[in-house]
PDB file of N, CA and C in Angstrom:
ATOM      1  N   MET A   1      19.626  12.686  22.895  1.00  0.00           N
ATOM      2  CA  MET A   1      19.336  12.102  21.616  1.00  0.00           C
ATOM      3  C   MET A   1      19.298  13.217  20.579  1.00  0.00           C
ATOM      4  N   LYS A   2      19.864  12.986  19.449  1.00  0.00           N
ATOM      5  CA  LYS A   2      19.823  13.938  18.341  1.00  0.00           C
ATOM      6  C   LYS A   2      18.579  13.685  17.497  1.00  0.00           C
ATOM      7  N   GLU A   3      17.947  14.747  17.042  1.00  0.00           N
ATOM      8  CA  GLU A   3      16.741  14.603  16.232  1.00  0.00           C
ATOM      9  C   GLU A   3      17.032  13.871  14.920  1.00  0.00           C
ATOM     10  N   SER A   4      18.264  13.915  14.457  1.00  0.00           N
ATOM     11  CA  SER A   4      18.624  13.226  13.209  1.00  0.00           C
ATOM     12  C   SER A   4      18.465  11.705  13.325  1.00  0.00           C
ATOM     13  N   LEU A   5      18.430  11.173  14.550  1.00  0.00           N
ATOM     14  CA  LEU A   5      18.208   9.732  14.740  1.00  0.00           C
ATOM     15  C   LEU A   5      16.829   9.291  14.263  1.00  0.00           C
ATOM     16  N   MET A   6      15.904  10.228  14.153  1.00  0.00           N
ATOM     17  CA  MET A   6      14.542   9.892  13.737  1.00  0.00           C
ATOM     18  C   MET A   6      14.527   9.244  12.353  1.00  0.00           C
ATOM     19  N   ASP A   7      15.551   9.499  11.539  1.00  0.00           N
ATOM     20  CA  ASP A   7      15.628   8.909  10.200  1.00  0.00           C
ATOM     21  C   ASP A   7      15.834   7.396  10.241  1.00  0.00           C
ATOM     22  N   ILE A   8      16.408   6.889  11.339  1.00  0.00           N
ATOM     23  CA  ILE A   8      16.709   5.451  11.393  1.00  0.00           C
ATOM     24  C   ILE A   8      15.913   4.696  12.457  1.00  0.00           C
ATOM     25  N   LEU A   9      15.221   5.417  13.344  1.00  0.00           N
ATOM     26  CA  LEU A   9      14.451   4.752  14.396  1.00  0.00           C
ATOM     27  C   LEU A   9      13.079   4.322  13.886  1.00  0.00           C
ATOM     28  N   CYS A  10      12.625   3.175  14.404  1.00  0.00           N
ATOM     29  CA  CYS A  10      11.263   2.718  14.110  1.00  0.00           C
ATOM     30  C   CYS A  10      10.732   1.970  15.327  1.00  0.00           C
ATOM     31  N   CYS A  11       9.435   1.730  15.345  1.00  0.00           N
ATOM     32  CA  CYS A  11       8.809   1.011  16.444  1.00  0.00           C
ATOM     33  C   CYS A  11       9.340  -0.418  16.468  1.00  0.00           C
ATOM     34  N   PRO A  12       9.840  -0.888  17.622  1.00  0.00           N
ATOM     35  CA  PRO A  12      10.358  -2.256  17.695  1.00  0.00           C
ATOM     36  C   PRO A  12       9.256  -3.309  17.594  1.00  0.00           C
ATOM     37  N   LEU A  13       8.008  -2.923  17.802  1.00  0.00           N
ATOM     38  CA  LEU A  13       6.910  -3.899  17.746  1.00  0.00           C
ATOM     39  C   LEU A  13       6.417  -4.144  16.329  1.00  0.00           C
ATOM     40  N   ASP A  14       6.225  -3.057  15.556  1.00  0.00           N
ATOM     41  CA  ASP A  14       5.645  -3.240  14.217  1.00  0.00           C
ATOM     42  C   ASP A  14       6.432  -2.545  13.106  1.00  0.00           C
ATOM     43  N   LYS A  15       7.584  -1.992  13.444  1.00  0.00           N
ATOM     44  CA  LYS A  15       8.494  -1.345  12.481  1.00  0.00           C
ATOM     45  C   LYS A  15       7.910  -0.105  11.813  1.00  0.00           C
ATOM     46  N   SER A  16       6.866   0.481  12.383  1.00  0.00           N
ATOM     47  CA  SER A  16       6.272   1.707  11.843  1.00  0.00           C
ATOM     48  C   SER A  16       7.088   2.924  12.264  1.00  0.00           C
ATOM     49  N   ASP A  17       6.800   4.058  11.652  1.00  0.00           N
ATOM     50  CA  ASP A  17       7.483   5.305  11.989  1.00  0.00           C
ATOM     51  C   ASP A  17       7.141   5.742  13.402  1.00  0.00           C
ATOM     52  N   LEU A  18       8.046   6.510  13.983  1.00  0.00           N
ATOM     53  CA  LEU A  18       7.843   7.076  15.308  1.00  0.00           C
ATOM     54  C   LEU A  18       7.709   8.590  15.195  1.00  0.00           C
ATOM     55  N   GLU A  19       6.853   9.146  16.013  1.00  0.00           N
ATOM     56  CA  GLU A  19       6.659  10.592  16.066  1.00  0.00           C
ATOM     57  C   GLU A  19       7.331  11.104  17.337  1.00  0.00           C
ATOM     58  N   LEU A  20       8.080  12.177  17.211  1.00  0.00           N
ATOM     59  CA  LEU A  20       8.839  12.735  18.327  1.00  0.00           C
ATOM     60  C   LEU A  20       8.032  13.810  19.043  1.00  0.00           C
ATOM     61  N   GLU A  21       7.960  13.698  20.371  1.00  0.00           N
ATOM     62  CA  GLU A  21       7.358  14.738  21.204  1.00  0.00           C
ATOM     63  C   GLU A  21       8.423  15.190  22.201  1.00  0.00           C
ATOM     64  N   VAL A  22       8.893  16.408  22.041  1.00  0.00           N
ATOM     65  CA  VAL A  22       9.982  16.945  22.867  1.00  0.00           C
ATOM     66  C   VAL A  22       9.407  17.647  24.093  1.00  0.00           C
ATOM     67  N   ILE A  23       9.929  17.282  25.266  1.00  0.00           N
ATOM     68  CA  ILE A  23       9.548  17.954  26.506  1.00  0.00           C
ATOM     69  C   ILE A  23      10.648  18.937  26.914  1.00  0.00           C
ATOM     70  N   ARG A  24      11.909  18.492  26.799  1.00  0.00           N
ATOM     71  CA  ARG A  24      13.035  19.355  27.194  1.00  0.00           C
ATOM     72  C   ARG A  24      14.213  19.085  26.264  1.00  0.00           C
ATOM     73  N   GLU A  25      14.843  20.177  25.797  1.00  0.00           N
ATOM     74  CA  GLU A  25      16.016  20.019  24.946  1.00  0.00           C
ATOM     75  C   GLU A  25      17.057  21.067  25.277  1.00  0.00           C
ATOM     76  N   ASP A  26      18.284  20.784  24.920  1.00  0.00           N
ATOM     77  CA  ASP A  26      19.403  21.690  25.144  1.00  0.00           C
ATOM     78  C   ASP A  26      20.190  21.762  23.842  1.00  0.00           C
ATOM     79  N   ASP A  27      20.211  22.928  23.219  1.00  0.00           N
ATOM     80  CA  ASP A  27      20.806  23.101  21.891  1.00  0.00           C
ATOM     81  C   ASP A  27      20.147  22.129  20.921  1.00  0.00           C
ATOM     82  N   ASP A  28      20.917  21.206  20.337  1.00  0.00           N
ATOM     83  CA  ASP A  28      20.337  20.256  19.380  1.00  0.00           C
ATOM     84  C   ASP A  28      20.178  18.862  19.995  1.00  0.00           C
ATOM     85  N   GLU A  29      20.235  18.773  21.315  1.00  0.00           N
ATOM     86  CA  GLU A  29      20.116  17.493  22.024  1.00  0.00           C
ATOM     87  C   GLU A  29      18.760  17.418  22.727  1.00  0.00           C
ATOM     88  N   ILE A  30      17.998  16.356  22.443  1.00  0.00           N
ATOM     89  CA  ILE A  30      16.712  16.150  23.107  1.00  0.00           C
ATOM     90  C   ILE A  30      16.987  15.397  24.404  1.00  0.00           C
ATOM     91  N   LEU A  31      16.689  16.028  25.530  1.00  0.00           N
ATOM     92  CA  LEU A  31      16.991  15.449  26.829  1.00  0.00           C
ATOM     93  C   LEU A  31      15.819  14.664  27.404  1.00  0.00           C
ATOM     94  N   GLU A  32      14.611  15.132  27.125  1.00  0.00           N
ATOM     95  CA  GLU A  32      13.433  14.477  27.680  1.00  0.00           C
ATOM     96  C   GLU A  32      12.285  14.592  26.683  1.00  0.00           C
ATOM     97  N   GLY A  33      11.534  13.513  26.554  1.00  0.00           N
ATOM     98  CA  GLY A  33      10.397  13.506  25.643  1.00  0.00           C
ATOM     99  C   GLY A  33       9.895  12.086  25.471  1.00  0.00           C
ATOM    100  N   ARG A  34       9.272  11.856  24.324  1.00  0.00           N
ATOM    101  CA  ARG A  34       8.802  10.507  24.052  1.00  0.00           C
ATOM    102  C   ARG A  34       8.680  10.306  22.555  1.00  0.00           C
ATOM    103  N   LEU A  35       8.746   9.048  22.179  1.00  0.00           N
ATOM    104  CA  LEU A  35       8.542   8.628  20.806  1.00  0.00           C
ATOM    105  C   LEU A  35       7.240   7.851  20.769  1.00  0.00           C
ATOM    106  N   VAL A  36       6.369   8.187  19.830  1.00  0.00           N
ATOM    107  CA  VAL A  36       5.065   7.543  19.741  1.00  0.00           C
ATOM    108  C   VAL A  36       4.935   6.883  18.373  1.00  0.00           C
ATOM    109  N   CYS A  37       4.569   5.609  18.369  1.00  0.00           N
ATOM    110  CA  CYS A  37       4.391   4.875  17.117  1.00  0.00           C
ATOM    111  C   CYS A  37       3.174   5.424  16.378  1.00  0.00           C
ATOM    112  N   THR A  38       3.344   5.689  15.080  1.00  0.00           N
ATOM    113  CA  THR A  38       2.249   6.234  14.279  1.00  0.00           C
ATOM    114  C   THR A  38       1.199   5.181  13.955  1.00  0.00           C
ATOM    115  N   ASP A  39       1.516   3.896  14.157  1.00  0.00           N
ATOM    116  CA  ASP A  39       0.567   2.831  13.844  1.00  0.00           C
ATOM    117  C   ASP A  39      -0.100   2.260  15.095  1.00  0.00           C
ATOM    118  N   CYS A  40       0.692   1.710  16.011  1.00  0.00           N
ATOM    119  CA  CYS A  40       0.105   1.040  17.184  1.00  0.00           C
ATOM    120  C   CYS A  40      -0.105   1.978  18.372  1.00  0.00           C
ATOM    121  N   GLY A  41       0.521   3.178  18.350  1.00  0.00           N
ATOM    122  CA  GLY A  41       0.333   4.152  19.422  1.00  0.00           C
ATOM    123  C   GLY A  41       1.190   3.910  20.653  1.00  0.00           C
ATOM    124  N   GLU A  42       2.049   2.894  20.637  1.00  0.00           N
ATOM    125  CA  GLU A  42       2.920   2.626  21.784  1.00  0.00           C
ATOM    126  C   GLU A  42       3.858   3.809  21.997  1.00  0.00           C
ATOM    127  N   GLU A  43       4.136   4.116  23.268  1.00  0.00           N
ATOM    128  CA  GLU A  43       4.998   5.242  23.617  1.00  0.00           C
ATOM    129  C   GLU A  43       6.310   4.738  24.207  1.00  0.00           C
ATOM    130  N   TYR A  44       7.393   5.404  23.816  1.00  0.00           N
ATOM    131  CA  TYR A  44       8.728   5.069  24.299  1.00  0.00           C
ATOM    132  C   TYR A  44       9.340   6.336  24.880  1.00  0.00           C
ATOM    133  N   PRO A  45       9.729   6.298  26.157  1.00  0.00           N
ATOM    134  CA  PRO A  45      10.251   7.511  26.802  1.00  0.00           C
ATOM    135  C   PRO A  45      11.676   7.842  26.373  1.00  0.00           C
ATOM    136  N   ILE A  46      11.988   9.126  26.417  1.00  0.00           N
ATOM    137  CA  ILE A  46      13.359   9.611  26.258  1.00  0.00           C
ATOM    138  C   ILE A  46      13.710  10.254  27.590  1.00  0.00           C
ATOM    139  N   GLU A  47      14.714   9.706  28.268  1.00  0.00           N
ATOM    140  CA  GLU A  47      15.129  10.224  29.572  1.00  0.00           C
ATOM    141  C   GLU A  47      16.629  10.438  29.567  1.00  0.00           C
ATOM    142  N   ASP A  48      17.068  11.595  30.030  1.00  0.00           N
ATOM    143  CA  ASP A  48      18.488  11.954  30.046  1.00  0.00           C
ATOM    144  C   ASP A  48      19.120  11.799  28.667  1.00  0.00           C
ATOM    145  N   GLY A  49      18.352  12.084  27.615  1.00  0.00           N
ATOM    146  CA  GLY A  49      18.871  12.035  26.254  1.00  0.00           C
ATOM    147  C   GLY A  49      18.932  10.649  25.651  1.00  0.00           C
ATOM    148  N   ILE A  50      18.386   9.645  26.347  1.00  0.00           N
ATOM    149  CA  ILE A  50      18.459   8.260  25.873  1.00  0.00           C
ATOM    150  C   ILE A  50      17.059   7.720  25.609  1.00  0.00           C
ATOM    151  N   PRO A  51      16.777   7.334  24.347  1.00  0.00           N
ATOM    152  CA  PRO A  51      15.468   6.740  24.059  1.00  0.00           C
ATOM    153  C   PRO A  51      15.417   5.293  24.550  1.00  0.00           C
ATOM    154  N   ASN A  52      14.351   4.929  25.238  1.00  0.00           N
ATOM    155  CA  ASN A  52      14.170   3.559  25.727  1.00  0.00           C
ATOM    156  C   ASN A  52      13.219   2.855  24.759  1.00  0.00           C
ATOM    157  N   LEU A  53      13.779   2.068  23.848  1.00  0.00           N
ATOM    158  CA  LEU A  53      12.988   1.405  22.820  1.00  0.00           C
ATOM    159  C   LEU A  53      12.685  -0.046  23.153  1.00  0.00           C
ATOM    160  N   LEU A  54      12.789  -0.395  24.430  1.00  0.00           N
ATOM    161  CA  LEU A  54      12.392  -1.742  24.831  1.00  0.00           C
ATOM    162  C   LEU A  54      10.873  -1.867  24.730  1.00  0.00           C
ATOM    163  N   PRO A  55      10.375  -3.027  24.302  1.00  0.00           N
ATOM    164  CA  PRO A  55       8.925  -3.240  24.321  1.00  0.00           C
ATOM    165  C   PRO A  55       8.400  -3.073  25.751  1.00  0.00           C
ATOM    166  N   PRO A  56       7.130  -2.687  25.905  1.00  0.00           N
ATOM    167  CA  PRO A  56       6.579  -2.357  27.231  1.00  0.00           C
ATOM    168  C   PRO A  56       6.788  -3.430  28.291  1.00  0.00           C
ATOM    169  N   ASP A  57       6.593  -4.701  27.958  1.00  0.00           N
ATOM    170  CA  ASP A  57       6.758  -5.749  28.967  1.00  0.00           C
ATOM    171  C   ASP A  57       8.209  -5.874  29.411  1.00  0.00           C
ATOM    172  N   MET A  58       9.151  -5.684  28.512  1.00  0.00           N
ATOM    173  CA  MET A  58      10.576  -5.755  28.878  1.00  0.00           C
ATOM    174  C   MET A  58      11.005  -4.517  29.658  1.00  0.00           C
ATOM    175  N   ARG A  59      10.374  -3.372  29.405  1.00  0.00           N
ATOM    176  CA  ARG A  59      10.690  -2.139  30.114  1.00  0.00           C
ATOM    177  C   ARG A  59      10.340  -2.273  31.583  1.00  0.00           C
ATOM    178  N   GLU A  60       9.175  -2.905  31.871  1.00  0.00           N
ATOM    179  CA  GLU A  60       8.739  -3.097  33.249  1.00  0.00           C
ATOM    180  C   GLU A  60       9.665  -4.059  33.975  1.00  0.00           C
ATOM    181  N   GLU A  61      10.121  -5.108  33.307  1.00  0.00           N
ATOM    182  CA  GLU A  61      11.060  -6.061  33.922  1.00  0.00           C
ATOM    183  C   GLU A  61      12.386  -5.402  34.229  1.00  0.00           C
ATOM    184  N   ALA A  62      12.875  -4.553  33.312  1.00  0.00           N
ATOM    185  CA  ALA A  62      14.166  -3.898  33.491  1.00  0.00           C
ATOM    186  C   ALA A  62      14.131  -2.907  34.661  1.00  0.00           C
ATOM    187  N   ALA A  63      12.991  -2.297  34.910  1.00  0.00           N
ATOM    188  CA  ALA A  63      12.874  -1.328  36.005  1.00  0.00           C
ATOM    189  C   ALA A  63      12.805  -2.017  37.374  1.00  0.00           C
ATOM    190  N   ALA A  64      12.391  -3.271  37.407  1.00  0.00           N
ATOM    191  CA  ALA A  64      12.224  -3.980  38.681  1.00  0.00           C
ATOM    192  C   ALA A  64      13.539  -4.439  39.260  1.00  0.00           C
TER     193      ALA A  64
END
């Protein structure tokens, strides 16, 4: 994921801004981390450079 995406991403639950927490990056690509909603506090993982912005209940269904 490119950090420039932060300009267009928002929380799918309440449309608030997201805060980026980077765990691992390569050059200008964020490979692992999380996005945290500044309002509701919901967390969305970034794995293999892909942000998972599914709401929590849908994320659990998709993993099963």
